[in-house]
Amino acid sequence: YGTSQLNHAVAKRQPGSSFKPFVYTAAFSEALKEGGQVITPATTVVDEPTTFMYNDKPYEPADFGNEYAGTVTLRRALAHSLNIPAVKVAEMIGYDKVAATARAVGLNLDIQPTPAIALGAYEVMPIEIAGAYTVFPNAGILKKPGYIDSIRDQQGHPVYQNQPQDKRAIDPRVAYLMVNMMEEVLRTGTAAGVRSRGFVLPAA
């Protein structure tokens, strides 16, 4: 606090690639709807330089280092945090579906249905993202974070006790798929170095 009075827990910033799992969550959820498009971790897209048009304006994201992987499964795309496949998937199902999923997992109303949504361009609070991620280990149940757990008076008697608010946010089958895909991040993807450093517990 002596260095900065900015409250980093609630100050908004772009979530970046930490938003990508919600793009794939929205995509897999479509398969559960009657007549919905079936997209799975084995679905492939082409990772290549791409211009996306939205409201007659071009959007030209790039992959890290301007390196592209060609045809990839969505599992590999997430494991390696590839940008172009994430935007392509969002475009396939509709940016509005991604925005609706973001709302369902507790993210704020500032997130707009545009191509940039897939790459986490819209600002959120870190505590919002932390809360949103609770849907994955909890079989689709959103465990909304609270700022205060309890308050006691000077005698130690409880004055206030936080009652966690739980709600069904995504289908448990989709949550299972997402955890499985995020495990791949540690097996072969951007976080594989964690395993080489001796961390062997199950993790995503």
Protein backbone atom coordinates (compact mmCIF):
# COMPACT_ATOMS: atom_id res chain seq x y z
CA TYR A 1 0.00 0.00 0.00
CA GLY A 2 2.94 2.29 0.65
CA THR A 3 4.04 1.86 -2.95
CA SER A 4 0.64 1.90 -4.66
CA GLN A 5 -2.88 2.51 -3.39
CA LEU A 6 -4.35 0.67 -6.39
CA ASN A 7 -6.49 -2.24 -5.18
CA HIS A 8 -5.25 -4.89 -7.60
CA ALA A 9 -8.01 -7.34 -6.64
CA VAL A 10 -10.74 -5.09 -8.05
CA ALA A 11 -8.89 -2.89 -10.56
CA LYS A 12 -9.94 -3.94 -14.05
CA ARG A 13 -7.47 -5.14 -16.65
CA GLN A 14 -7.59 -7.28 -19.80
CA PRO A 15 -7.68 -11.00 -18.92
CA GLY A 16 -5.93 -11.93 -22.18
CA SER A 17 -5.48 -15.65 -22.77
CA SER A 18 -7.03 -16.55 -19.41
CA PHE A 19 -10.35 -15.83 -21.16
CA LYS A 20 -9.85 -18.44 -23.91
CA PRO A 21 -11.32 -21.37 -21.91
CA PHE A 22 -14.67 -19.55 -21.94
CA VAL A 23 -14.59 -19.42 -25.75
CA TYR A 24 -14.26 -23.20 -25.88
CA THR A 25 -16.82 -23.59 -23.09
CA ALA A 26 -19.33 -21.68 -25.21
CA ALA A 27 -18.47 -23.82 -28.25
CA PHE A 28 -18.89 -27.16 -26.49
CA SER A 29 -22.14 -25.99 -24.90
CA GLU A 30 -23.64 -25.54 -28.37
CA ALA A 31 -23.54 -29.29 -28.99
CA LEU A 32 -25.97 -29.81 -26.09
CA LYS A 33 -28.65 -27.64 -27.69
CA GLU A 34 -31.19 -29.14 -30.04
CA GLY A 35 -29.86 -28.60 -33.55
CA GLY A 36 -26.72 -26.99 -32.15
CA GLN A 37 -23.38 -27.15 -33.89
CA VAL A 38 -21.27 -30.04 -32.63
CA ILE A 39 -17.78 -28.84 -31.71
CA THR A 40 -15.45 -31.04 -29.66
CA PRO A 41 -11.81 -30.98 -28.50
CA ALA A 42 -11.02 -33.01 -31.63
CA THR A 43 -12.55 -30.44 -33.99
CA THR A 44 -9.87 -28.89 -36.20
CA VAL A 45 -9.32 -25.35 -37.44
CA VAL A 46 -6.50 -23.84 -39.48
CA ASP A 47 -4.08 -21.66 -37.56
CA GLU A 48 -2.91 -19.15 -40.16
CA PRO A 49 -2.88 -15.36 -40.62
CA THR A 50 -6.54 -14.38 -40.86
CA THR A 51 -8.53 -11.17 -41.23
CA PHE A 52 -11.87 -11.21 -39.45
CA MET A 53 -14.49 -8.71 -40.58
CA TYR A 54 -16.86 -7.23 -38.01
CA ASN A 55 -19.15 -4.26 -38.67
CA ASP A 56 -17.29 -3.75 -41.96
CA LYS A 57 -14.00 -3.31 -40.08
CA PRO A 58 -11.04 -5.71 -40.26
CA TYR A 59 -9.64 -7.38 -37.17
CA GLU A 60 -6.22 -8.96 -37.67
CA PRO A 61 -4.89 -10.72 -34.56
CA ALA A 62 -1.62 -12.62 -34.68
CA ASP A 63 -0.16 -15.62 -32.89
CA PHE A 64 2.76 -15.16 -30.52
CA GLY A 65 5.95 -14.56 -32.49
CA ASN A 66 3.92 -14.62 -35.72
CA GLU A 67 4.35 -18.39 -35.82
CA TYR A 68 1.42 -20.49 -37.04
CA ALA A 69 0.74 -24.19 -36.60
CA GLY A 70 -1.50 -24.98 -39.56
CA THR A 71 -4.37 -27.40 -38.97
CA VAL A 72 -4.79 -28.00 -35.23
CA THR A 73 -7.32 -29.61 -32.94
CA LEU A 74 -9.01 -27.35 -30.42
CA ARG A 75 -7.24 -29.34 -27.71
CA ARG A 76 -3.87 -28.32 -29.13
CA ALA A 77 -5.05 -24.77 -29.79
CA LEU A 78 -5.90 -24.26 -26.13
CA ALA A 79 -2.84 -26.11 -24.86
CA HIS A 80 -0.59 -23.75 -26.83
CA SER A 81 -2.78 -20.67 -26.37
CA LEU A 82 -3.15 -20.06 -30.11
CA ASN A 83 -4.98 -16.84 -30.93
CA ILE A 84 -6.33 -17.40 -34.44
CA PRO A 85 -8.14 -20.68 -33.58
CA ALA A 86 -9.77 -19.04 -30.56
CA VAL A 87 -11.20 -16.24 -32.69
CA LYS A 88 -12.26 -18.71 -35.40
CA VAL A 89 -14.17 -20.79 -32.86
CA ALA A 90 -15.86 -17.68 -31.49
CA GLU A 91 -16.82 -16.70 -35.04
CA MET A 92 -18.15 -20.21 -35.78
CA ILE A 93 -20.61 -20.20 -32.88
CA GLY A 94 -21.26 -16.46 -32.74
CA TYR A 95 -19.59 -13.84 -30.59
CA ASP A 96 -22.89 -13.35 -28.76
CA LYS A 97 -22.72 -16.95 -27.48
CA VAL A 98 -19.26 -16.29 -26.04
CA ALA A 99 -20.50 -13.10 -24.37
CA ALA A 100 -23.49 -14.99 -22.93
CA THR A 101 -21.16 -17.62 -21.48
CA ALA A 102 -19.03 -14.86 -19.94
CA ARG A 103 -22.13 -13.45 -18.24
CA ALA A 104 -23.17 -16.92 -17.05
CA VAL A 105 -19.85 -17.42 -15.26
CA GLY A 106 -20.11 -14.07 -13.50
CA LEU A 107 -18.09 -11.72 -15.69
CA ASN A 108 -19.21 -8.12 -16.10
CA LEU A 109 -21.53 -6.56 -18.65
CA ASP A 110 -18.72 -4.60 -20.33
CA ILE A 111 -17.71 -7.69 -22.32
CA GLN A 112 -18.95 -7.15 -25.86
CA PRO A 113 -19.69 -9.70 -28.64
CA THR A 114 -16.87 -8.79 -31.04
CA PRO A 115 -13.92 -10.79 -32.43
CA ALA A 116 -11.66 -9.29 -29.73
CA ILE A 117 -13.70 -11.03 -27.04
CA ALA A 118 -11.95 -14.32 -27.87
CA LEU A 119 -8.57 -12.92 -26.86
CA GLY A 120 -9.68 -11.37 -23.58
CA ALA A 121 -9.66 -7.77 -24.79
CA TYR A 122 -12.44 -6.58 -22.49
CA GLU A 123 -11.46 -5.61 -18.97
CA VAL A 124 -12.50 -7.58 -15.90
CA MET A 125 -11.47 -7.65 -12.26
CA PRO A 126 -9.04 -10.42 -11.28
CA ILE A 127 -11.52 -11.58 -8.64
CA GLU A 128 -14.15 -11.95 -11.41
CA ILE A 129 -11.87 -14.26 -13.41
CA ALA A 130 -11.01 -16.20 -10.24
CA GLY A 131 -14.72 -16.67 -9.58
CA ALA A 132 -15.43 -17.62 -13.20
CA TYR A 133 -12.81 -20.36 -13.08
CA THR A 134 -14.64 -22.05 -10.20
CA VAL A 135 -17.09 -23.55 -12.71
CA PHE A 136 -14.41 -25.93 -13.98
CA PRO A 137 -13.44 -27.89 -10.82
CA ASN A 138 -17.00 -27.67 -9.46
CA ALA A 139 -18.77 -29.48 -12.31
CA GLY A 140 -20.26 -26.32 -13.75
CA ILE A 141 -21.29 -24.69 -10.46
CA LEU A 142 -20.23 -21.06 -10.07
CA LYS A 143 -18.85 -20.37 -6.59
CA LYS A 144 -19.12 -16.61 -6.45
CA PRO A 145 -16.21 -15.19 -4.44
CA GLY A 146 -16.87 -12.94 -1.49
CA TYR A 147 -14.64 -10.22 -0.11
CA ILE A 148 -15.36 -10.89 3.57
CA ASP A 149 -15.65 -14.35 5.12
CA SER A 150 -16.82 -13.36 8.59
CA ILE A 151 -16.95 -10.56 11.12
CA ARG A 152 -16.79 -11.07 14.89
CA ASP A 153 -17.22 -8.61 17.74
CA GLN A 154 -14.67 -8.00 20.49
CA GLN A 155 -15.97 -11.01 22.41
CA GLY A 156 -15.50 -13.25 19.38
CA HIS A 157 -19.21 -13.63 18.68
CA PRO A 158 -20.17 -13.82 15.01
CA VAL A 159 -21.74 -10.64 13.66
CA TYR A 160 -21.64 -11.65 10.00
CA GLN A 161 -20.92 -14.91 8.18
CA ASN A 162 -20.64 -14.97 4.41
CA GLN A 163 -23.03 -17.40 2.75
CA PRO A 164 -21.47 -18.51 -0.55
CA GLN A 165 -23.73 -18.06 -3.54
CA ASP A 166 -23.69 -21.14 -5.75
CA LYS A 167 -25.44 -21.39 -9.09
CA ARG A 168 -25.40 -23.68 -12.10
CA ALA A 169 -23.47 -21.80 -14.80
CA ILE A 170 -22.44 -24.46 -17.35
CA ASP A 171 -23.27 -28.10 -18.02
CA PRO A 172 -21.14 -30.53 -15.96
CA ARG A 173 -20.18 -32.41 -19.14
CA VAL A 174 -18.73 -29.24 -20.60
CA ALA A 175 -16.88 -28.54 -17.35
CA TYR A 176 -15.36 -32.04 -17.53
CA LEU A 177 -14.19 -31.49 -21.11
CA MET A 178 -12.64 -28.14 -20.21
CA VAL A 179 -10.73 -29.51 -17.22
CA ASN A 180 -9.46 -32.33 -19.42
CA MET A 181 -8.34 -29.83 -22.07
CA MET A 182 -6.67 -27.58 -19.51
CA GLU A 183 -4.76 -30.57 -18.13
CA GLU A 184 -3.17 -30.73 -21.59
CA VAL A 185 -1.72 -27.26 -20.99
CA LEU A 186 0.49 -28.82 -18.31
CA ARG A 187 1.20 -32.00 -20.25
CA THR A 188 2.30 -30.60 -23.60
CA GLY A 189 1.37 -26.92 -23.74
CA THR A 190 2.50 -23.55 -22.46
CA ALA A 191 2.81 -24.79 -18.85
CA ALA A 192 4.68 -28.04 -19.58
CA GLY A 193 7.71 -26.59 -17.81
CA VAL A 194 5.84 -26.96 -14.52
CA ARG A 195 6.04 -30.74 -14.84
CA SER A 196 9.74 -30.66 -15.69
CA ARG A 197 10.33 -28.78 -12.43
CA GLY A 198 8.94 -31.70 -10.45
CA PHE A 199 5.30 -30.71 -9.93
CA VAL A 200 3.41 -33.99 -10.36
CA LEU A 201 0.00 -33.41 -8.74
CA PRO A 202 -3.11 -33.55 -10.93
CA ALA A 203 -3.66 -30.02 -12.21
CA ALA A 204 -5.17 -28.00 -15.02
